[in-house]
N, C-alpha and C. Protein backbone atom coordinates (compact mmCIF):
# COMPACT_ATOMS: atom_id res chain seq x y z
N UNK A 1 110.71 64.79 120.75
CA UNK A 1 109.31 64.59 121.04
C UNK A 1 108.74 63.62 120.01
N UNK A 2 107.88 62.76 120.45
CA UNK A 2 107.25 61.79 119.56
C UNK A 2 106.20 62.48 118.70
N UNK A 3 106.46 62.57 117.40
CA UNK A 3 105.54 63.25 116.50
C UNK A 3 104.28 62.44 116.24
N UNK A 4 104.26 61.18 116.66
CA UNK A 4 103.08 60.36 116.48
C UNK A 4 102.06 60.60 117.59
N UNK A 5 102.47 61.33 118.63
CA UNK A 5 101.58 61.65 119.73
C UNK A 5 100.49 62.58 119.21
N UNK A 6 99.24 62.17 119.36
CA UNK A 6 98.13 62.97 118.86
C UNK A 6 97.68 63.93 119.93
N UNK A 7 97.74 65.22 119.64
CA UNK A 7 97.27 66.23 120.57
C UNK A 7 96.20 67.07 119.89
N UNK A 8 95.36 67.66 120.68
CA UNK A 8 94.30 68.49 120.16
C UNK A 8 93.91 69.51 121.22
N UNK A 9 93.57 70.73 120.80
CA UNK A 9 93.10 71.73 121.75
C UNK A 9 91.62 71.56 122.09
N UNK A 10 90.97 70.57 121.49
CA UNK A 10 89.54 70.36 121.69
C UNK A 10 89.22 70.13 123.16
N UNK A 11 88.19 70.84 123.65
CA UNK A 11 87.75 70.65 125.04
C UNK A 11 86.32 70.13 125.09
N UNK A 12 85.82 69.68 123.94
CA UNK A 12 84.50 69.06 123.89
C UNK A 12 83.33 70.04 123.80
N UNK A 13 83.62 71.31 123.60
CA UNK A 13 82.56 72.30 123.38
C UNK A 13 82.65 72.69 121.91
N UNK A 14 82.02 71.90 121.08
CA UNK A 14 82.18 72.06 119.63
C UNK A 14 81.03 72.88 119.05
N UNK A 15 81.18 74.20 119.13
CA UNK A 15 80.18 75.12 118.60
C UNK A 15 80.91 76.23 117.87
N UNK A 16 80.50 76.48 116.64
CA UNK A 16 81.13 77.53 115.83
C UNK A 16 80.42 78.86 116.09
N UNK A 17 81.20 79.88 116.44
CA UNK A 17 80.68 81.23 116.64
C UNK A 17 80.28 81.79 115.27
N UNK A 18 79.08 82.31 115.19
CA UNK A 18 78.57 82.81 113.90
C UNK A 18 79.33 84.02 113.39
N UNK A 19 79.86 84.85 114.30
CA UNK A 19 80.58 86.05 113.88
C UNK A 19 82.02 85.76 113.47
N UNK A 20 82.75 85.03 114.31
CA UNK A 20 84.17 84.79 114.04
C UNK A 20 84.43 83.55 113.20
N UNK A 21 83.45 82.64 113.16
CA UNK A 21 83.59 81.35 112.47
C UNK A 21 84.65 80.47 113.12
N UNK A 22 84.96 80.75 114.38
CA UNK A 22 85.89 79.93 115.16
C UNK A 22 85.10 79.13 116.19
N UNK A 23 85.64 77.99 116.59
CA UNK A 23 85.02 77.19 117.62
C UNK A 23 85.11 77.95 118.95
N UNK A 24 83.99 78.02 119.68
CA UNK A 24 84.03 78.73 120.96
C UNK A 24 84.73 77.91 122.04
N UNK A 25 84.90 76.62 121.81
CA UNK A 25 85.59 75.76 122.77
C UNK A 25 87.10 75.85 122.63
N UNK A 26 87.61 75.58 121.44
CA UNK A 26 89.07 75.49 121.26
C UNK A 26 89.68 76.68 120.52
N UNK A 27 88.86 77.44 119.80
CA UNK A 27 89.38 78.61 119.10
C UNK A 27 89.84 78.36 117.67
N UNK A 28 89.81 77.08 117.24
CA UNK A 28 90.25 76.79 115.88
C UNK A 28 89.19 77.21 114.86
N UNK A 29 89.65 77.46 113.63
CA UNK A 29 88.73 77.77 112.54
C UNK A 29 88.10 76.48 112.05
N UNK A 30 87.02 76.62 111.28
CA UNK A 30 86.38 75.43 110.67
C UNK A 30 87.39 74.65 109.84
N UNK A 31 88.19 75.36 109.08
CA UNK A 31 89.20 74.74 108.21
C UNK A 31 90.22 73.96 109.04
N UNK A 32 90.71 74.55 110.13
CA UNK A 32 91.68 73.87 110.98
C UNK A 32 91.08 72.61 111.60
N UNK A 33 89.83 72.70 112.02
CA UNK A 33 89.18 71.54 112.63
C UNK A 33 89.03 70.42 111.60
N UNK A 34 88.57 70.77 110.41
CA UNK A 34 88.31 69.74 109.40
C UNK A 34 89.59 69.07 108.90
N UNK A 35 90.71 69.79 108.92
CA UNK A 35 91.97 69.24 108.41
C UNK A 35 92.89 68.72 109.52
N UNK A 36 92.48 68.85 110.79
CA UNK A 36 93.35 68.54 111.93
C UNK A 36 94.01 67.17 111.83
N UNK A 37 93.25 66.16 111.52
CA UNK A 37 93.76 64.79 111.49
C UNK A 37 94.83 64.60 110.41
N UNK A 38 94.77 65.43 109.37
CA UNK A 38 95.72 65.31 108.25
C UNK A 38 96.94 66.21 108.40
N UNK A 39 96.91 67.13 109.38
CA UNK A 39 98.02 68.06 109.56
C UNK A 39 99.23 67.36 110.16
N UNK A 40 100.39 67.87 109.83
CA UNK A 40 101.62 67.34 110.43
C UNK A 40 101.74 67.85 111.87
N UNK A 41 102.62 67.22 112.61
CA UNK A 41 102.86 67.63 113.99
C UNK A 41 103.26 69.11 114.04
N UNK A 42 104.12 69.52 113.12
CA UNK A 42 104.59 70.91 113.08
C UNK A 42 103.44 71.87 112.80
N UNK A 43 102.57 71.51 111.87
CA UNK A 43 101.42 72.36 111.56
C UNK A 43 100.48 72.47 112.76
N UNK A 44 100.27 71.36 113.45
CA UNK A 44 99.43 71.38 114.66
C UNK A 44 100.05 72.28 115.73
N UNK A 45 101.36 72.17 115.90
CA UNK A 45 102.03 72.97 116.93
C UNK A 45 101.94 74.47 116.63
N UNK A 46 101.97 74.85 115.36
CA UNK A 46 101.82 76.26 114.98
C UNK A 46 100.45 76.77 115.40
N UNK A 47 99.43 75.96 115.17
CA UNK A 47 98.07 76.34 115.55
C UNK A 47 97.94 76.40 117.07
N UNK A 48 98.51 75.40 117.75
CA UNK A 48 98.46 75.38 119.21
C UNK A 48 99.14 76.63 119.79
N UNK A 49 100.26 77.02 119.20
CA UNK A 49 100.97 78.21 119.66
C UNK A 49 100.11 79.45 119.45
N UNK A 50 99.45 79.55 118.29
CA UNK A 50 98.57 80.68 118.00
C UNK A 50 97.42 80.76 119.01
N UNK A 51 96.96 79.59 119.44
CA UNK A 51 95.86 79.54 120.40
C UNK A 51 96.30 79.82 121.83
N UNK A 52 97.62 79.93 122.04
CA UNK A 52 98.13 80.30 123.36
C UNK A 52 98.63 79.14 124.19
N UNK A 53 98.65 77.94 123.63
CA UNK A 53 99.18 76.80 124.38
C UNK A 53 100.68 76.91 124.47
N UNK A 54 101.21 76.52 125.60
CA UNK A 54 102.65 76.58 125.82
C UNK A 54 103.10 77.84 126.52
N UNK A 55 102.19 78.81 126.67
CA UNK A 55 102.53 80.03 127.40
C UNK A 55 102.22 79.82 128.87
N UNK A 56 103.06 80.37 129.69
CA UNK A 56 102.84 80.27 131.13
C UNK A 56 101.72 81.23 131.52
N UNK A 57 100.87 80.75 132.37
CA UNK A 57 99.80 81.59 132.89
C UNK A 57 100.34 82.43 134.04
N UNK A 58 99.87 83.65 134.16
CA UNK A 58 100.25 84.48 135.29
C UNK A 58 99.45 84.01 136.50
N UNK A 59 100.14 83.41 137.41
CA UNK A 59 99.50 82.90 138.62
C UNK A 59 100.01 83.65 139.82
N UNK A 60 99.10 83.97 140.70
CA UNK A 60 99.52 84.63 141.94
C UNK A 60 100.18 83.58 142.82
N UNK A 61 101.32 83.92 143.33
CA UNK A 61 102.02 83.01 144.21
C UNK A 61 101.41 83.06 145.60
N UNK A 62 101.32 81.92 146.17
CA UNK A 62 100.85 81.86 147.56
C UNK A 62 102.03 82.19 148.46
N UNK A 63 101.88 83.22 149.21
CA UNK A 63 102.96 83.67 150.09
C UNK A 63 102.61 83.23 151.51
N UNK A 64 103.49 82.43 152.08
CA UNK A 64 103.29 81.99 153.46
C UNK A 64 103.81 83.06 154.40
N UNK A 65 102.98 83.43 155.34
CA UNK A 65 103.40 84.46 156.30
C UNK A 65 103.60 83.85 157.65
């Protein structure tokens, strides 16, 4: 995989929850957001995994009858 590929969980809803101190859009902490550009690909992937990216969603299969 190309480690120069820039990825981000940001969905453009950049608001910090007052209770959790996490972004309500992407789920990252203030610290993760502020350091994102400086993090290595591996560090970003660890955060993405914690946020649930890469997991398959349970989808109901369409059954043709």
